[in-house]
Amino acid sequence: MGLQGLCIGNGILTVENFKQAEERANPDKQNKGGGAAAAALHLLSLSHKWADNKKGIGFKAD
């Protein structure tokens, strides 16, 4: 979660060739994109769960 309560996700697929990209992105193999999407959805779920807690982390907006 970011400082303003926003979900921040970053998924970068690093490969040396097309064959590696296919294997890492294939849902039947490593499915790296699916893992990144699942992590983003989990963050979104947590942000909804914690939405009532608006105390912040000590910073005040001017």
N, C-alpha and C. Protein backbone atom coordinates (compact mmCIF):
# COMPACT_ATOMS: atom_id res chain seq x y z
N MET A 1 0.84 -1.17 0.00
CA MET A 1 0.00 0.00 0.00
C MET A 1 0.89 1.24 0.00
N GLY A 2 0.48 2.23 -0.75
CA GLY A 2 1.22 3.47 -0.79
C GLY A 2 0.87 4.34 0.41
N LEU A 3 1.53 5.46 0.56
CA LEU A 3 1.29 6.35 1.70
C LEU A 3 -0.11 6.93 1.70
N GLN A 4 -0.72 7.10 0.54
CA GLN A 4 -2.06 7.65 0.46
C GLN A 4 -3.13 6.55 0.41
N GLY A 5 -2.78 5.33 0.76
CA GLY A 5 -3.75 4.25 0.78
C GLY A 5 -4.04 3.65 -0.59
N LEU A 6 -3.22 3.96 -1.57
CA LEU A 6 -3.41 3.42 -2.91
C LEU A 6 -2.66 2.11 -3.07
N CYS A 7 -3.26 1.18 -3.79
CA CYS A 7 -2.58 -0.08 -4.08
C CYS A 7 -1.56 0.15 -5.18
N ILE A 8 -0.35 -0.29 -4.95
CA ILE A 8 0.71 -0.13 -5.93
C ILE A 8 1.26 -1.50 -6.28
N GLY A 9 1.24 -1.83 -7.55
CA GLY A 9 1.76 -3.12 -8.00
C GLY A 9 2.74 -2.92 -9.14
N ASN A 10 3.70 -3.82 -9.23
CA ASN A 10 4.70 -3.73 -10.29
C ASN A 10 5.12 -5.15 -10.65
N GLY A 11 4.90 -5.52 -11.89
CA GLY A 11 5.31 -6.84 -12.34
C GLY A 11 6.13 -6.72 -13.62
N ILE A 12 7.38 -7.10 -13.55
CA ILE A 12 8.27 -7.01 -14.71
C ILE A 12 8.77 -8.41 -15.03
N LEU A 13 8.57 -8.82 -16.26
CA LEU A 13 9.02 -10.13 -16.71
C LEU A 13 10.37 -9.94 -17.41
N THR A 14 11.43 -10.39 -16.78
CA THR A 14 12.77 -10.25 -17.37
C THR A 14 13.16 -11.56 -18.03
N VAL A 15 13.50 -11.46 -19.30
CA VAL A 15 13.84 -12.65 -20.09
C VAL A 15 15.00 -12.33 -21.01
N GLU A 16 15.63 -13.38 -21.49
CA GLU A 16 16.72 -13.22 -22.45
C GLU A 16 16.27 -13.53 -23.87
N ASN A 17 15.13 -14.23 -24.01
CA ASN A 17 14.65 -14.57 -25.35
C ASN A 17 13.15 -14.87 -25.31
N PHE A 18 12.58 -15.05 -26.50
CA PHE A 18 11.14 -15.27 -26.63
C PHE A 18 10.71 -16.57 -25.95
N LYS A 19 11.53 -17.59 -26.03
CA LYS A 19 11.18 -18.88 -25.41
C LYS A 19 11.02 -18.73 -23.89
N GLN A 20 11.92 -17.99 -23.26
CA GLN A 20 11.79 -17.75 -21.82
C GLN A 20 10.52 -16.97 -21.51
N ALA A 21 10.22 -15.98 -22.34
CA ALA A 21 9.01 -15.18 -22.13
C ALA A 21 7.76 -16.04 -22.22
N GLU A 22 7.71 -16.92 -23.22
CA GLU A 22 6.56 -17.81 -23.35
C GLU A 22 6.41 -18.71 -22.13
N GLU A 23 7.50 -19.27 -21.65
CA GLU A 23 7.42 -20.19 -20.51
C GLU A 23 7.00 -19.48 -19.23
N ARG A 24 7.54 -18.30 -19.01
CA ARG A 24 7.22 -17.57 -17.77
C ARG A 24 5.82 -16.97 -17.79
N ALA A 25 5.28 -16.69 -18.97
CA ALA A 25 3.95 -16.10 -19.07
C ALA A 25 2.85 -17.15 -19.24
N ASN A 26 3.20 -18.35 -19.59
CA ASN A 26 2.23 -19.41 -19.86
C ASN A 26 1.52 -19.83 -18.57
N PRO A 27 0.17 -19.75 -18.54
CA PRO A 27 -0.58 -20.16 -17.34
C PRO A 27 -0.37 -21.62 -16.95
N ASP A 28 -0.01 -22.47 -17.90
CA ASP A 28 0.22 -23.88 -17.60
C ASP A 28 1.63 -24.15 -17.08
N LYS A 29 2.48 -23.14 -17.11
CA LYS A 29 3.87 -23.32 -16.65
C LYS A 29 4.13 -22.40 -15.45
N GLN A 30 4.97 -21.39 -15.61
CA GLN A 30 5.32 -20.53 -14.47
C GLN A 30 4.26 -19.49 -14.13
N ASN A 31 3.53 -19.01 -15.12
CA ASN A 31 2.41 -18.07 -14.92
C ASN A 31 2.78 -16.87 -14.05
N LYS A 32 3.85 -16.19 -14.40
CA LYS A 32 4.30 -15.03 -13.62
C LYS A 32 3.28 -13.90 -13.63
N GLY A 33 2.61 -13.70 -14.76
CA GLY A 33 1.59 -12.65 -14.83
C GLY A 33 0.41 -12.93 -13.91
N GLY A 34 0.03 -14.19 -13.83
CA GLY A 34 -1.06 -14.58 -12.94
C GLY A 34 -0.70 -14.32 -11.48
N GLY A 35 0.54 -14.57 -11.13
CA GLY A 35 1.00 -14.29 -9.76
C GLY A 35 0.98 -12.81 -9.45
N ALA A 36 1.38 -11.99 -10.41
CA ALA A 36 1.36 -10.53 -10.22
C ALA A 36 -0.07 -10.03 -10.09
N ALA A 37 -0.98 -10.57 -10.90
CA ALA A 37 -2.39 -10.18 -10.82
C ALA A 37 -2.99 -10.60 -9.48
N ALA A 38 -2.66 -11.79 -9.01
CA ALA A 38 -3.17 -12.26 -7.71
C ALA A 38 -2.67 -11.36 -6.58
N ALA A 39 -1.41 -10.93 -6.65
CA ALA A 39 -0.86 -10.04 -5.63
C ALA A 39 -1.59 -8.69 -5.64
N ALA A 40 -1.87 -8.15 -6.83
CA ALA A 40 -2.58 -6.88 -6.94
C ALA A 40 -3.99 -7.00 -6.37
N LEU A 41 -4.67 -8.10 -6.67
CA LEU A 41 -6.02 -8.30 -6.14
C LEU A 41 -6.00 -8.47 -4.62
N HIS A 42 -4.97 -9.11 -4.10
CA HIS A 42 -4.85 -9.25 -2.65
C HIS A 42 -4.66 -7.88 -1.99
N LEU A 43 -3.83 -7.02 -2.58
CA LEU A 43 -3.66 -5.67 -2.06
C LEU A 43 -4.97 -4.90 -2.09
N LEU A 44 -5.72 -5.05 -3.16
CA LEU A 44 -7.02 -4.37 -3.27
C LEU A 44 -7.96 -4.86 -2.18
N SER A 45 -7.99 -6.16 -1.95
CA SER A 45 -8.82 -6.73 -0.89
C SER A 45 -8.43 -6.18 0.48
N LEU A 46 -7.13 -6.10 0.74
CA LEU A 46 -6.67 -5.55 2.02
C LEU A 46 -7.03 -4.08 2.16
N SER A 47 -6.95 -3.32 1.07
CA SER A 47 -7.29 -1.90 1.15
C SER A 47 -8.76 -1.72 1.50
N HIS A 48 -9.63 -2.59 1.01
CA HIS A 48 -11.05 -2.52 1.36
C HIS A 48 -11.25 -2.93 2.82
N LYS A 49 -10.51 -3.93 3.26
CA LYS A 49 -10.61 -4.40 4.64
C LYS A 49 -10.18 -3.32 5.62
N TRP A 50 -9.14 -2.58 5.28
CA TRP A 50 -8.60 -1.56 6.16
C TRP A 50 -9.14 -0.16 5.88
N ALA A 51 -10.14 -0.03 5.03
CA ALA A 51 -10.64 1.28 4.61
C ALA A 51 -11.13 2.13 5.78
N ASP A 52 -11.64 1.51 6.83
CA ASP A 52 -12.16 2.26 7.96
C ASP A 52 -11.06 2.84 8.84
N ASN A 53 -9.86 2.31 8.74
CA ASN A 53 -8.74 2.78 9.54
C ASN A 53 -8.08 3.95 8.81
N LYS A 54 -8.48 5.18 9.14
CA LYS A 54 -8.01 6.37 8.44
C LYS A 54 -7.02 7.18 9.28
N LYS A 55 -6.37 6.56 10.25
CA LYS A 55 -5.47 7.29 11.13
C LYS A 55 -4.22 7.78 10.42
N GLY A 56 -3.82 7.15 9.34
CA GLY A 56 -2.62 7.56 8.63
C GLY A 56 -1.37 7.02 9.30
N ILE A 57 -0.23 7.53 8.86
CA ILE A 57 1.04 7.04 9.40
C ILE A 57 1.87 8.18 9.99
N GLY A 58 1.21 9.27 10.35
CA GLY A 58 1.93 10.36 10.99
C GLY A 58 2.15 11.58 10.12
N PHE A 59 1.80 11.51 8.85
CA PHE A 59 1.95 12.65 7.96
C PHE A 59 0.62 13.38 7.87
N LYS A 60 0.67 14.71 7.81
CA LYS A 60 -0.55 15.50 7.68
C LYS A 60 -0.56 16.18 6.32
N ALA A 61 -1.71 16.13 5.65
CA ALA A 61 -1.86 16.83 4.37
C ALA A 61 -2.17 18.29 4.66
N ASP A 62 -1.46 19.19 3.99
CA ASP A 62 -1.71 20.63 4.17
C ASP A 62 -2.75 21.12 3.22
